Every structure is written in structure tokens, then in C-alpha cells.
Amino acid sequence: MIGALFLALGATSGALGAHALEDVLTAERLDSWATASLYLLVMGAALVGAHRQHASPNSRRALQAVAAGTVLFSASIMALV
């Protein structure tokens, strides 16, 4: 579920950066925004795939840690932009 949310957020934020923010942000900041969006997409796809493969409690905790790291990483970059 969270992986699908990351995919949606990554696609939406990528489109926002490519269209709405290109006249507002510098090239460096747009590059940072694109990095955060791409990370959301990649980790979203990884979480969707991993969720289908493993169901043990330890695997779920590991996936939750990955999800939390993804939120912290992408949100911190977007907040700095």
C-alpha cells in the first residue's frame, strides 16, 4: 500500500517539478526536486515488489524502516528546495 502511495507521489511531484516549478526554481533546485521524485518512484516500486515476496514479521519491520527512510529522505530534499 505505501509503495503504491510513493509511486503516486513520485509521479505527481515529478510532473509538478517538470511543469509548474521550472520557471520558479533554479536548475540546481529542480535537479534536487527531480532526485527526490525519482527516489520516491524507485523505492515505491521496490516496496511494491518486496511486499509481494515476503510476509514475515521481520520483513515487514524492514520494509517499514525502508518506507520511513524514504519519507525522511525525499521530504527533506523537497523541504530544502
Protein backbone atom coordinates (compact mmCIF):
# COMPACT_ATOMS: atom_id res chain seq x y z
CA MET A 1 0.00 0.00 0.00
CA ILE A 2 2.71 2.51 0.96
CA GLY A 3 4.69 1.57 -2.14
CA ALA A 4 1.74 2.49 -4.35
CA LEU A 5 1.42 5.79 -2.49
CA PHE A 6 5.12 6.51 -3.10
CA LEU A 7 4.62 5.75 -6.80
CA ALA A 8 1.71 8.19 -6.98
CA LEU A 9 3.60 10.88 -5.06
CA GLY A 10 6.73 10.38 -7.17
CA ALA A 11 4.82 10.74 -10.42
CA THR A 12 2.87 13.75 -9.17
CA SER A 13 5.89 15.55 -7.74
CA GLY A 14 7.91 14.79 -10.87
CA ALA A 15 5.20 16.31 -13.05
CA LEU A 16 4.93 19.30 -10.74
CA GLY A 17 8.66 19.89 -10.94
CA ALA A 18 8.78 19.46 -14.71
CA HIS A 19 5.88 21.79 -15.45
CA ALA A 20 4.85 24.09 -12.61
CA LEU A 21 8.18 24.69 -10.92
CA GLU A 22 10.52 25.01 -13.89
CA ASP A 23 10.03 28.78 -14.11
CA VAL A 24 10.21 29.24 -10.35
CA LEU A 25 13.24 27.21 -9.26
CA THR A 26 16.88 27.34 -10.27
CA ALA A 27 18.36 24.45 -12.27
CA GLU A 28 20.11 23.11 -9.15
CA ARG A 29 16.91 23.12 -7.13
CA LEU A 30 14.99 21.48 -9.96
CA ASP A 31 17.65 18.78 -10.06
CA SER A 32 17.22 18.21 -6.31
CA TRP A 33 13.44 18.05 -6.76
CA ALA A 34 13.87 15.51 -9.56
CA THR A 35 16.15 13.41 -7.34
CA ALA A 36 13.54 13.31 -4.57
CA SER A 37 10.79 12.43 -7.07
CA LEU A 38 12.88 9.70 -8.66
CA TYR A 39 13.73 8.25 -5.25
CA LEU A 40 10.01 8.06 -4.42
CA LEU A 41 9.35 6.23 -7.68
CA VAL A 42 12.20 3.75 -7.29
CA MET A 43 11.52 2.98 -3.65
CA GLY A 44 7.79 2.76 -4.31
CA ALA A 45 8.39 0.13 -6.97
CA ALA A 46 10.81 -1.71 -4.68
CA LEU A 47 8.31 -1.72 -1.81
CA VAL A 48 5.51 -2.98 -4.04
CA GLY A 49 7.73 -5.80 -5.28
CA ALA A 50 9.13 -6.66 -1.85
CA HIS A 51 5.69 -6.63 -0.25
CA ARG A 52 4.56 -9.35 -2.63
CA GLN A 53 7.54 -11.56 -1.79
CA HIS A 54 7.82 -11.56 2.00
CA ALA A 55 5.29 -11.65 4.80
CA SER A 56 7.36 -12.49 7.91
CA PRO A 57 7.29 -10.04 10.84
CA ASN A 58 10.99 -9.22 10.39
CA SER A 59 10.47 -8.50 6.70
CA ARG A 60 7.55 -6.22 7.49
CA ARG A 61 9.64 -4.29 10.00
CA ALA A 62 12.44 -3.93 7.48
CA LEU A 63 10.01 -2.64 4.85
CA GLN A 64 8.60 -0.18 7.37
CA ALA A 65 12.12 1.09 8.04
CA VAL A 66 12.72 1.50 4.29
CA ALA A 67 9.43 3.38 3.98
CA ALA A 68 10.33 5.68 6.87
CA GLY A 69 13.76 6.36 5.36
CA THR A 70 12.18 7.14 2.02
CA VAL A 71 9.82 9.66 3.60
CA LEU A 72 12.65 11.32 5.53
CA PHE A 73 14.99 11.45 2.54
CA SER A 74 12.52 12.72 -0.07
CA ALA A 75 10.70 15.09 2.28
CA SER A 76 13.94 16.64 3.49
CA ILE A 77 15.13 17.30 -0.05
CA MET A 78 11.76 18.77 -1.08
CA ALA A 79 11.69 20.93 2.04
CA LEU A 80 15.14 22.33 1.21
CA VAL A 81 14.05 23.23 -2.30
